N, C-alpha and C. Protein backbone atom coordinates (compact mmCIF):
# COMPACT_ATOMS: atom_id res chain seq x y z
N MET A 1 -17.91 -13.98 17.53
CA MET A 1 -18.91 -14.30 16.53
C MET A 1 -18.58 -15.64 15.86
N ILE A 2 -17.32 -15.86 15.58
CA ILE A 2 -16.93 -17.10 14.90
C ILE A 2 -17.27 -18.31 15.76
N ASN A 3 -16.99 -18.23 17.05
CA ASN A 3 -17.27 -19.36 17.94
C ASN A 3 -18.76 -19.66 18.03
N VAL A 4 -19.60 -18.62 18.05
CA VAL A 4 -21.05 -18.81 18.11
C VAL A 4 -21.54 -19.49 16.83
N VAL A 5 -21.07 -19.00 15.69
CA VAL A 5 -21.49 -19.58 14.41
C VAL A 5 -21.00 -21.02 14.28
N ARG A 6 -19.75 -21.27 14.68
CA ARG A 6 -19.23 -22.64 14.60
C ARG A 6 -20.04 -23.60 15.46
N ALA A 7 -20.45 -23.16 16.64
CA ALA A 7 -21.25 -24.02 17.51
C ALA A 7 -22.57 -24.38 16.84
N LYS A 8 -23.18 -23.42 16.16
CA LYS A 8 -24.44 -23.70 15.45
C LYS A 8 -24.20 -24.62 14.27
N LEU A 9 -23.11 -24.40 13.53
CA LEU A 9 -22.82 -25.23 12.36
C LEU A 9 -22.52 -26.67 12.76
N CYS A 10 -21.85 -26.85 13.90
CA CYS A 10 -21.52 -28.21 14.35
C CYS A 10 -22.78 -28.99 14.68
N SER A 11 -23.82 -28.31 15.12
CA SER A 11 -25.06 -29.01 15.43
C SER A 11 -25.74 -29.54 14.16
N TRP A 12 -25.33 -29.03 12.99
CA TRP A 12 -25.91 -29.50 11.73
C TRP A 12 -25.18 -30.74 11.21
N GLY A 13 -24.07 -31.11 11.83
CA GLY A 13 -23.35 -32.30 11.41
C GLY A 13 -22.05 -32.01 10.70
N THR A 14 -22.11 -31.60 9.45
CA THR A 14 -20.91 -31.38 8.65
C THR A 14 -20.36 -29.98 8.89
N PRO A 15 -19.08 -29.87 9.23
CA PRO A 15 -18.49 -28.53 9.41
C PRO A 15 -18.54 -27.72 8.11
N LYS A 16 -18.80 -26.46 8.23
CA LYS A 16 -18.87 -25.56 7.08
C LYS A 16 -17.83 -24.45 7.24
N PRO A 17 -17.30 -23.95 6.13
CA PRO A 17 -16.35 -22.84 6.23
C PRO A 17 -17.05 -21.54 6.61
N ILE A 18 -16.33 -20.68 7.28
CA ILE A 18 -16.84 -19.36 7.62
C ILE A 18 -16.09 -18.35 6.79
N VAL A 19 -16.82 -17.51 6.06
CA VAL A 19 -16.22 -16.54 5.16
C VAL A 19 -16.74 -15.15 5.51
N PHE A 20 -15.84 -14.24 5.82
CA PHE A 20 -16.18 -12.83 5.95
C PHE A 20 -15.85 -12.19 4.62
N ASN A 21 -16.87 -11.83 3.88
CA ASN A 21 -16.69 -11.29 2.54
C ASN A 21 -16.88 -9.77 2.58
N GLU A 22 -15.95 -9.05 2.01
CA GLU A 22 -16.00 -7.59 1.91
C GLU A 22 -16.15 -6.92 3.27
N ASP A 23 -15.23 -7.24 4.18
CA ASP A 23 -15.18 -6.55 5.46
C ASP A 23 -14.46 -5.22 5.27
N GLY A 24 -14.56 -4.34 6.23
CA GLY A 24 -13.96 -3.01 6.14
C GLY A 24 -12.45 -3.03 6.19
N THR A 25 -11.87 -1.87 6.38
CA THR A 25 -10.43 -1.71 6.32
C THR A 25 -9.75 -1.91 7.67
N ASN A 26 -10.50 -2.30 8.70
CA ASN A 26 -9.94 -2.53 10.03
C ASN A 26 -9.18 -3.85 10.04
N LEU A 27 -7.86 -3.79 10.13
CA LEU A 27 -7.05 -5.00 10.05
C LEU A 27 -7.17 -5.87 11.30
N GLN A 28 -7.69 -5.34 12.39
CA GLN A 28 -7.93 -6.16 13.58
C GLN A 28 -9.00 -7.21 13.27
N ASN A 29 -9.98 -6.86 12.44
CA ASN A 29 -10.99 -7.84 12.03
C ASN A 29 -10.35 -8.97 11.23
N MET A 30 -9.42 -8.61 10.36
CA MET A 30 -8.73 -9.63 9.57
C MET A 30 -7.93 -10.56 10.48
N GLU A 31 -7.18 -9.98 11.41
CA GLU A 31 -6.37 -10.80 12.31
C GLU A 31 -7.24 -11.73 13.14
N ALA A 32 -8.38 -11.23 13.64
CA ALA A 32 -9.28 -12.06 14.44
C ALA A 32 -9.83 -13.22 13.61
N ALA A 33 -10.24 -12.94 12.37
CA ALA A 33 -10.78 -14.00 11.51
C ALA A 33 -9.72 -15.05 11.20
N LEU A 34 -8.53 -14.61 10.82
CA LEU A 34 -7.48 -15.55 10.45
C LEU A 34 -7.00 -16.36 11.65
N ASN A 35 -6.94 -15.74 12.81
CA ASN A 35 -6.53 -16.47 14.02
C ASN A 35 -7.51 -17.59 14.37
N GLU A 36 -8.76 -17.44 13.98
CA GLU A 36 -9.78 -18.46 14.25
C GLU A 36 -9.98 -19.41 13.07
N GLY A 37 -9.19 -19.24 12.01
CA GLY A 37 -9.28 -20.14 10.86
C GLY A 37 -10.42 -19.82 9.90
N ALA A 38 -10.90 -18.58 9.93
CA ALA A 38 -11.96 -18.17 9.01
C ALA A 38 -11.33 -17.38 7.85
N SER A 39 -12.06 -17.28 6.77
CA SER A 39 -11.62 -16.51 5.62
C SER A 39 -12.01 -15.05 5.82
N TRP A 40 -11.26 -14.15 5.21
CA TRP A 40 -11.55 -12.72 5.35
C TRP A 40 -11.33 -12.03 4.03
N GLY A 41 -12.29 -11.20 3.61
CA GLY A 41 -12.18 -10.47 2.35
C GLY A 41 -12.16 -8.97 2.59
N TYR A 42 -11.29 -8.27 1.92
CA TYR A 42 -11.08 -6.83 2.08
C TYR A 42 -12.07 -6.06 1.22
N TYR A 43 -12.58 -4.97 1.76
CA TYR A 43 -13.46 -4.08 1.00
C TYR A 43 -13.05 -2.65 1.29
N ASP A 44 -12.76 -1.89 0.26
CA ASP A 44 -12.44 -0.47 0.41
C ASP A 44 -13.24 0.30 -0.63
N GLN A 45 -14.17 1.09 -0.17
CA GLN A 45 -15.04 1.84 -1.08
C GLN A 45 -14.26 2.89 -1.86
N GLY A 46 -13.11 3.30 -1.35
CA GLY A 46 -12.36 4.36 -2.02
C GLY A 46 -13.06 5.69 -1.78
N ARG A 47 -13.00 6.56 -2.75
CA ARG A 47 -13.64 7.87 -2.62
C ARG A 47 -15.12 7.82 -2.95
N SER A 48 -15.57 6.70 -3.47
CA SER A 48 -16.98 6.51 -3.82
C SER A 48 -17.51 7.59 -4.76
N ASN A 49 -16.65 8.02 -5.67
CA ASN A 49 -17.08 9.06 -6.62
C ASN A 49 -17.25 8.52 -8.03
N TYR A 50 -17.16 7.22 -8.21
CA TYR A 50 -17.35 6.55 -9.50
C TYR A 50 -16.39 7.05 -10.57
N ARG A 51 -15.28 7.65 -10.17
CA ARG A 51 -14.28 8.10 -11.11
C ARG A 51 -12.93 7.43 -10.83
N ASP A 52 -12.65 7.21 -9.54
CA ASP A 52 -11.35 6.71 -9.14
C ASP A 52 -11.31 5.21 -8.90
N GLY A 53 -12.39 4.51 -9.22
CA GLY A 53 -12.36 3.06 -9.15
C GLY A 53 -12.56 2.50 -7.77
N PHE A 54 -11.60 1.75 -7.26
CA PHE A 54 -11.74 0.94 -6.06
C PHE A 54 -12.88 -0.02 -6.28
N GLN A 55 -13.86 -0.03 -5.39
CA GLN A 55 -15.00 -0.95 -5.51
C GLN A 55 -16.10 -0.38 -6.38
N SER A 56 -16.06 0.91 -6.64
CA SER A 56 -17.06 1.54 -7.50
C SER A 56 -16.48 1.66 -8.91
N PRO A 57 -17.04 0.93 -9.88
CA PRO A 57 -16.46 0.97 -11.21
C PRO A 57 -16.57 2.38 -11.81
N PRO A 58 -15.54 2.82 -12.54
CA PRO A 58 -15.61 4.13 -13.18
C PRO A 58 -16.68 4.10 -14.27
N THR A 59 -17.69 4.93 -14.09
CA THR A 59 -18.82 4.89 -15.02
C THR A 59 -19.21 6.28 -15.49
N ASN A 60 -18.24 7.13 -15.78
CA ASN A 60 -18.56 8.46 -16.29
C ASN A 60 -19.06 8.37 -17.71
C-alpha cells in the first residue's frame, strides 16, 4: 500500500509524508510501516465499556 501511495504522491511533485493513524494492535503492520519509512499510530479500544479508559474516555 505504501509503494502505491508513494507512486501517486510523486506524480504530484512534492513528496508527502505517509501517516497510519490509529492502526490496530497488529505489530506486523507497525513493522511494515516503519520499514518503509512511514509513520504508524497505535490504537487499542480496550474493553470499550467507557469505564476502563483506553481510547474510550471514562464517562460514567
